[in-house]
PDB file of all heavy atoms in Angstrom:
ATOM      1  N   MET A   1     -12.156-107.613  25.989  1.00  0.00           N
ATOM      2  CA  MET A   1     -11.765-106.317  26.532  1.00  0.00           C
ATOM      3  C   MET A   1     -10.945-106.532  27.801  1.00  0.00           C
ATOM      4  O   MET A   1     -11.409-107.203  28.727  1.00  0.00           O
ATOM      5  CB  MET A   1     -13.006-105.482  26.844  1.00  0.00           C
ATOM      6  CG  MET A   1     -13.940-105.318  25.649  1.00  0.00           C
ATOM      7  SD  MET A   1     -15.321-104.201  25.989  1.00  0.00           S
ATOM      8  CE  MET A   1     -16.226-105.168  27.181  1.00  0.00           C
ATOM      9  N   LYS A   2      -9.739-105.964  27.826  1.00  0.00           N
ATOM     10  CA  LYS A   2      -8.867-106.080  28.985  1.00  0.00           C
ATOM     11  C   LYS A   2      -8.477-104.687  29.467  1.00  0.00           C
ATOM     12  O   LYS A   2      -8.652-103.712  28.759  1.00  0.00           O
ATOM     13  CB  LYS A   2      -7.617-106.877  28.618  1.00  0.00           C
ATOM     14  CG  LYS A   2      -7.893-108.289  28.176  1.00  0.00           C
ATOM     15  CD  LYS A   2      -6.609-109.026  27.819  1.00  0.00           C
ATOM     16  CE  LYS A   2      -6.897-110.444  27.372  1.00  0.00           C
ATOM     17  NZ  LYS A   2      -5.658-111.184  27.009  1.00  0.00           N
ATOM     18  N   SER A   3      -7.925-104.640  30.676  1.00  0.00           N
ATOM     19  CA  SER A   3      -7.493-103.366  31.254  1.00  0.00           C
ATOM     20  C   SER A   3      -8.564-102.304  31.117  1.00  0.00           C
ATOM     21  O   SER A   3      -8.304-101.169  30.701  1.00  0.00           O
ATOM     22  CB  SER A   3      -6.193-102.904  30.584  1.00  0.00           C
ATOM     23  OG  SER A   3      -5.172-103.870  30.699  1.00  0.00           O
ATOM     24  N   LEU A   4      -9.780-102.674  31.461  1.00  0.00           N
ATOM     25  CA  LEU A   4     -10.911-101.767  31.288  1.00  0.00           C
ATOM     26  C   LEU A   4     -10.776-100.530  32.159  1.00  0.00           C
ATOM     27  O   LEU A   4     -10.249-100.590  33.282  1.00  0.00           O
ATOM     28  CB  LEU A   4     -12.207-102.501  31.589  1.00  0.00           C
ATOM     29  CG  LEU A   4     -12.681-103.427  30.453  1.00  0.00           C
ATOM     30  CD1 LEU A   4     -13.683-104.439  30.963  1.00  0.00           C
ATOM     31  CD2 LEU A   4     -13.262-102.597  29.323  1.00  0.00           C
ATOM     32  N   LYS A   5     -11.269 -99.433  31.631  1.00  0.00           N
ATOM     33  CA  LYS A   5     -11.216 -98.138  32.306  1.00  0.00           C
ATOM     34  C   LYS A   5     -12.633 -97.616  32.492  1.00  0.00           C
ATOM     35  O   LYS A   5     -13.540 -97.977  31.723  1.00  0.00           O
ATOM     36  CB  LYS A   5     -10.417 -97.145  31.466  1.00  0.00           C
ATOM     37  CG  LYS A   5      -9.010 -97.614  31.105  1.00  0.00           C
ATOM     38  CD  LYS A   5      -8.345 -96.616  30.174  1.00  0.00           C
ATOM     39  CE  LYS A   5      -6.948 -97.076  29.773  1.00  0.00           C
ATOM     40  NZ  LYS A   5      -6.290 -96.110  28.863  1.00  0.00           N
ATOM     41  N   PRO A   6     -12.838 -96.734  33.468  1.00  0.00           N
ATOM     42  CA  PRO A   6     -14.183 -96.164  33.644  1.00  0.00           C
ATOM     43  C   PRO A   6     -14.710 -95.506  32.368  1.00  0.00           C
ATOM     44  O   PRO A   6     -15.922 -95.555  32.105  1.00  0.00           O
ATOM     45  CB  PRO A   6     -13.980 -95.152  34.771  1.00  0.00           C
ATOM     46  CG  PRO A   6     -12.861 -95.730  35.570  1.00  0.00           C
ATOM     47  CD  PRO A   6     -11.945 -96.348  34.566  1.00  0.00           C
ATOM     48  N   GLU A   7     -13.843 -94.940  31.556  1.00  0.00           N
ATOM     49  CA  GLU A   7     -14.296 -94.301  30.325  1.00  0.00           C
ATOM     50  C   GLU A   7     -14.734 -95.293  29.256  1.00  0.00           C
ATOM     51  O   GLU A   7     -15.239 -94.883  28.205  1.00  0.00           O
ATOM     52  CB  GLU A   7     -13.199 -93.375  29.769  1.00  0.00           C
ATOM     53  CG  GLU A   7     -11.838 -94.018  29.635  1.00  0.00           C
ATOM     54  CD  GLU A   7     -10.938 -93.728  30.823  1.00  0.00           C
ATOM     55  OE1 GLU A   7     -11.418 -93.779  31.985  1.00  0.00           O
ATOM     56  OE2 GLU A   7      -9.733 -93.453  30.585  1.00  0.00           O
ATOM     57  N   ASP A   8     -14.564 -96.583  29.495  1.00  0.00           N
ATOM     58  CA  ASP A   8     -15.096 -97.603  28.591  1.00  0.00           C
ATOM     59  C   ASP A   8     -16.568 -97.899  28.893  1.00  0.00           C
ATOM     60  O   ASP A   8     -17.203 -98.649  28.143  1.00  0.00           O
ATOM     61  CB  ASP A   8     -14.294 -98.903  28.720  1.00  0.00           C
ATOM     62  CG  ASP A   8     -12.859 -98.765  28.241  1.00  0.00           C
ATOM     63  OD1 ASP A   8     -12.635 -98.123  27.200  1.00  0.00           O
ATOM     64  OD2 ASP A   8     -11.969 -99.293  28.929  1.00  0.00           O
ATOM     65  N   THR A   9     -17.089 -97.333  29.951  1.00  0.00           N
ATOM     66  CA  THR A   9     -18.487 -97.542  30.316  1.00  0.00           C
ATOM     67  C   THR A   9     -19.406 -97.032  29.222  1.00  0.00           C
ATOM     68  O   THR A   9     -19.314 -95.874  28.801  1.00  0.00           O
ATOM     69  CB  THR A   9     -18.812 -96.831  31.639  1.00  0.00           C
ATOM     70  OG1 THR A   9     -18.057 -97.452  32.685  1.00  0.00           O
ATOM     71  CG2 THR A   9     -20.307 -96.929  31.959  1.00  0.00           C
ATOM     72  N   ALA A  10     -20.279 -97.909  28.744  1.00  0.00           N
ATOM     73  CA  ALA A  10     -21.193 -97.559  27.643  1.00  0.00           C
ATOM     74  C   ALA A  10     -22.088 -98.751  27.346  1.00  0.00           C
ATOM     75  O   ALA A  10     -21.853 -99.856  27.844  1.00  0.00           O
ATOM     76  CB  ALA A  10     -20.406 -97.184  26.391  1.00  0.00           C
ATOM     77  N   VAL A  11     -23.080 -98.497  26.508  1.00  0.00           N
ATOM     78  CA  VAL A  11     -23.811 -99.591  25.876  1.00  0.00           C
ATOM     79  C   VAL A  11     -23.047 -99.959  24.610  1.00  0.00           C
ATOM     80  O   VAL A  11     -22.743 -99.093  23.788  1.00  0.00           O
ATOM     81  CB  VAL A  11     -25.252 -99.195  25.528  1.00  0.00           C
ATOM     82  CG1 VAL A  11     -25.961-100.351  24.813  1.00  0.00           C
ATOM     83  CG2 VAL A  11     -26.014 -98.807  26.789  1.00  0.00           C
ATOM     84  N   TYR A  12     -22.731-101.235  24.478  1.00  0.00           N
ATOM     85  CA  TYR A  12     -21.967-101.721  23.332  1.00  0.00           C
ATOM     86  C   TYR A  12     -22.920-102.398  22.346  1.00  0.00           C
ATOM     87  O   TYR A  12     -23.718-103.259  22.731  1.00  0.00           O
ATOM     88  CB  TYR A  12     -20.898-102.701  23.789  1.00  0.00           C
ATOM     89  CG  TYR A  12     -19.694-102.008  24.385  1.00  0.00           C
ATOM     90  CD1 TYR A  12     -19.788-101.355  25.613  1.00  0.00           C
ATOM     91  CD2 TYR A  12     -18.479-101.954  23.711  1.00  0.00           C
ATOM     92  CE1 TYR A  12     -18.698-100.684  26.160  1.00  0.00           C
ATOM     93  CE2 TYR A  12     -17.376-101.288  24.246  1.00  0.00           C
ATOM     94  CZ  TYR A  12     -17.502-100.658  25.473  1.00  0.00           C
ATOM     95  OH  TYR A  12     -16.427 -99.993  26.007  1.00  0.00           O
ATOM     96  N   TYR A  13     -22.806-102.007  21.084  1.00  0.00           N
ATOM     97  CA  TYR A  13     -23.672-102.506  20.022  1.00  0.00           C
ATOM     98  C   TYR A  13     -22.865-103.290  18.991  1.00  0.00           C
ATOM     99  O   TYR A  13     -21.776-102.875  18.587  1.00  0.00           O
ATOM    100  CB  TYR A  13     -24.361-101.351  19.307  1.00  0.00           C
ATOM    101  CG  TYR A  13     -25.296-100.557  20.176  1.00  0.00           C
ATOM    102  CD1 TYR A  13     -24.851 -99.430  20.869  1.00  0.00           C
ATOM    103  CD2 TYR A  13     -26.640-100.905  20.294  1.00  0.00           C
ATOM    104  CE1 TYR A  13     -25.707 -98.689  21.670  1.00  0.00           C
ATOM    105  CE2 TYR A  13     -27.505-100.158  21.081  1.00  0.00           C
ATOM    106  CZ  TYR A  13     -27.027 -99.069  21.771  1.00  0.00           C
ATOM    107  OH  TYR A  13     -27.890 -98.334  22.552  1.00  0.00           O
ATOM    108  N   CYS A  14     -23.427-104.373  18.573  1.00  0.00           N
ATOM    109  CA  CYS A  14     -22.901-105.164  17.467  1.00  0.00           C
ATOM    110  C   CYS A  14     -23.528-104.652  16.181  1.00  0.00           C
ATOM    111  O   CYS A  14     -24.714-104.292  16.160  1.00  0.00           O
ATOM    112  CB  CYS A  14     -23.272-106.624  17.713  1.00  0.00           C
ATOM    113  SG  CYS A  14     -22.940-107.754  16.367  1.00  0.00           S
ATOM    114  N   ALA A  15     -22.757-104.626  15.090  1.00  0.00           N
ATOM    115  CA  ALA A  15     -23.268-104.130  13.824  1.00  0.00           C
ATOM    116  C   ALA A  15     -22.696-104.948  12.673  1.00  0.00           C
ATOM    117  O   ALA A  15     -21.619-105.549  12.795  1.00  0.00           O
ATOM    118  CB  ALA A  15     -22.899-102.659  13.653  1.00  0.00           C
ATOM    119  N   ALA A  16     -23.409-104.957  11.555  1.00  0.00           N
ATOM    120  CA  ALA A  16     -22.967-105.690  10.373  1.00  0.00           C
ATOM    121  C   ALA A  16     -23.308-104.894   9.124  1.00  0.00           C
ATOM    122  O   ALA A  16     -24.343-104.222   9.066  1.00  0.00           O
ATOM    123  CB  ALA A  16     -23.636-107.054  10.311  1.00  0.00           C
ATOM    124  N   GLY A  17     -22.440-105.005   8.113  1.00  0.00           N
ATOM    125  CA  GLY A  17     -22.693-104.317   6.857  1.00  0.00           C
ATOM    126  C   GLY A  17     -21.750-104.809   5.782  1.00  0.00           C
ATOM    127  O   GLY A  17     -20.743-105.447   6.084  1.00  0.00           O
ATOM    128  N   PRO A  18     -22.052-104.532   4.529  1.00  0.00           N
ATOM    129  CA  PRO A  18     -21.163-104.940   3.438  1.00  0.00           C
ATOM    130  C   PRO A  18     -19.758-104.374   3.657  1.00  0.00           C
ATOM    131  O   PRO A  18     -19.599-103.176   3.874  1.00  0.00           O
ATOM    132  CB  PRO A  18     -21.826-104.339   2.203  1.00  0.00           C
ATOM    133  CG  PRO A  18     -23.262-104.171   2.580  1.00  0.00           C
ATOM    134  CD  PRO A  18     -23.248-103.825   4.043  1.00  0.00           C
ATOM    135  N   GLU A  19     -18.752-105.239   3.579  1.00  0.00           N
ATOM    136  CA  GLU A  19     -17.399-104.820   3.929  1.00  0.00           C
ATOM    137  C   GLU A  19     -16.920-103.658   3.079  1.00  0.00           C
ATOM    138  O   GLU A  19     -16.297-102.720   3.584  1.00  0.00           O
ATOM    139  CB  GLU A  19     -16.420-105.984   3.809  1.00  0.00           C
ATOM    140  CG  GLU A  19     -14.991-105.619   4.184  1.00  0.00           C
ATOM    141  CD  GLU A  19     -14.047-106.801   4.191  1.00  0.00           C
ATOM    142  OE1 GLU A  19     -14.523-107.942   4.105  1.00  0.00           O
ATOM    143  OE2 GLU A  19     -12.827-106.579   4.274  1.00  0.00           O
ATOM    144  N   GLN A  20     -17.218-103.707   1.786  1.00  0.00           N
ATOM    145  CA  GLN A  20     -16.742-102.647   0.901  1.00  0.00           C
ATOM    146  C   GLN A  20     -17.297-101.285   1.338  1.00  0.00           C
ATOM    147  O   GLN A  20     -16.578-100.293   1.368  1.00  0.00           O
ATOM    148  CB  GLN A  20     -17.156-102.954  -0.536  1.00  0.00           C
ATOM    149  CG  GLN A  20     -16.502-102.054  -1.571  1.00  0.00           C
ATOM    150  CD  GLN A  20     -16.796-102.508  -2.989  1.00  0.00           C
ATOM    151  OE1 GLN A  20     -17.697-103.299  -3.224  1.00  0.00           O
ATOM    152  NE2 GLN A  20     -16.026-102.010  -3.942  1.00  0.00           N
ATOM    153  N   LYS A  21     -18.576-101.266   1.675  1.00  0.00           N
ATOM    154  CA  LYS A  21     -19.196-100.010   2.121  1.00  0.00           C
ATOM    155  C   LYS A  21     -18.653 -99.579   3.476  1.00  0.00           C
ATOM    156  O   LYS A  21     -18.441 -98.392   3.727  1.00  0.00           O
ATOM    157  CB  LYS A  21     -20.712-100.164   2.184  1.00  0.00           C
ATOM    158  CG  LYS A  21     -21.379-100.278   0.823  1.00  0.00           C
ATOM    159  CD  LYS A  21     -22.892-100.280   0.968  1.00  0.00           C
ATOM    160  CE  LYS A  21     -23.577-100.327  -0.394  1.00  0.00           C
ATOM    161  NZ  LYS A  21     -25.056-100.325  -0.275  1.00  0.00           N
ATOM    162  N   VAL A  22     -18.444-100.532   4.349  1.00  0.00           N
ATOM    163  CA  VAL A  22     -17.944-100.220   5.690  1.00  0.00           C
ATOM    164  C   VAL A  22     -16.559 -99.585   5.616  1.00  0.00           C
ATOM    165  O   VAL A  22     -16.293 -98.565   6.261  1.00  0.00           O
ATOM    166  CB  VAL A  22     -17.907-101.501   6.547  1.00  0.00           C
ATOM    167  CG1 VAL A  22     -17.073-101.300   7.797  1.00  0.00           C
ATOM    168  CG2 VAL A  22     -19.328-101.927   6.906  1.00  0.00           C
ATOM    169  N   VAL A  23     -15.705-100.183   4.804  1.00  0.00           N
ATOM    170  CA  VAL A  23     -14.337 -99.653   4.679  1.00  0.00           C
ATOM    171  C   VAL A  23     -14.353 -98.300   3.961  1.00  0.00           C
ATOM    172  O   VAL A  23     -13.674 -97.359   4.395  1.00  0.00           O
ATOM    173  CB  VAL A  23     -13.431-100.658   3.941  1.00  0.00           C
ATOM    174  CG1 VAL A  23     -12.064-100.040   3.658  1.00  0.00           C
ATOM    175  CG2 VAL A  23     -13.281-101.940   4.742  1.00  0.00           C
ATOM    176  N   ALA A  24     -15.153 -98.198   2.900  1.00  0.00           N
ATOM    177  CA  ALA A  24     -15.240 -96.931   2.172  1.00  0.00           C
ATOM    178  C   ALA A  24     -15.797 -95.828   3.072  1.00  0.00           C
ATOM    179  O   ALA A  24     -15.440 -94.656   2.938  1.00  0.00           O
ATOM    180  CB  ALA A  24     -16.103 -97.098   0.929  1.00  0.00           C
ATOM    181  N   GLY A  25     -16.669 -96.208   3.980  1.00  0.00           N
ATOM    182  CA  GLY A  25     -17.246 -95.248   4.915  1.00  0.00           C
ATOM    183  C   GLY A  25     -16.382 -94.977   6.125  1.00  0.00           C
ATOM    184  O   GLY A  25     -16.806 -94.267   7.034  1.00  0.00           O
ATOM    185  N   ARG A  26     -15.184 -95.547   6.126  1.00  0.00           N
ATOM    186  CA  ARG A  26     -14.207 -95.346   7.201  1.00  0.00           C
ATOM    187  C   ARG A  26     -14.780 -95.673   8.568  1.00  0.00           C
ATOM    188  O   ARG A  26     -14.552 -94.947   9.540  1.00  0.00           O
ATOM    189  CB  ARG A  26     -13.658 -93.928   7.155  1.00  0.00           C
ATOM    190  CG  ARG A  26     -12.937 -93.625   5.856  1.00  0.00           C
ATOM    191  CD  ARG A  26     -12.257 -92.288   5.869  1.00  0.00           C
ATOM    192  NE  ARG A  26     -11.545 -92.047   4.619  1.00  0.00           N
ATOM    193  CZ  ARG A  26     -10.776 -90.990   4.389  1.00  0.00           C
ATOM    194  NH1 ARG A  26     -10.610 -90.080   5.333  1.00  0.00           N
ATOM    195  NH2 ARG A  26     -10.174 -90.851   3.238  1.00  0.00           N
ATOM    196  N   PHE A  27     -15.565 -96.753   8.601  1.00  0.00           N
ATOM    197  CA  PHE A  27     -16.085 -97.325   9.843  1.00  0.00           C
ATOM    198  C   PHE A  27     -17.034 -96.377  10.581  1.00  0.00           C
ATOM    199  O   PHE A  27     -17.177 -96.464  11.801  1.00  0.00           O
ATOM    200  CB  PHE A  27     -14.937 -97.776  10.748  1.00  0.00           C
ATOM    201  CG  PHE A  27     -13.981 -98.697  10.058  1.00  0.00           C
ATOM    202  CD1 PHE A  27     -12.731 -98.243   9.638  1.00  0.00           C
ATOM    203  CD2 PHE A  27     -14.339-100.012   9.797  1.00  0.00           C
ATOM    204  CE1 PHE A  27     -11.857 -99.092   8.967  1.00  0.00           C
ATOM    205  CE2 PHE A  27     -13.467-100.860   9.130  1.00  0.00           C
ATOM    206  CZ  PHE A  27     -12.223-100.396   8.712  1.00  0.00           C
ATOM    207  N   THR A  28     -17.674 -95.490   9.841  1.00  0.00           N
ATOM    208  CA  THR A  28     -18.761 -94.735  10.434  1.00  0.00           C
ATOM    209  C   THR A  28     -19.993 -95.626  10.542  1.00  0.00           C
ATOM    210  O   THR A  28     -20.032 -96.710   9.984  1.00  0.00           O
ATOM    211  CB  THR A  28     -19.069 -93.503   9.590  1.00  0.00           C
ATOM    212  OG1 THR A  28     -19.301 -93.921   8.232  1.00  0.00           O
ATOM    213  CG2 THR A  28     -17.903 -92.522   9.610  1.00  0.00           C
TER     214      THR A  28
END
């Protein structure tokens, strides 16, 4: 992450899932 802004402040979570489902779900 570069050029960070105050609005980037958050808890960041890592996630994993079957690629086909992830893409079909439009990254929800």
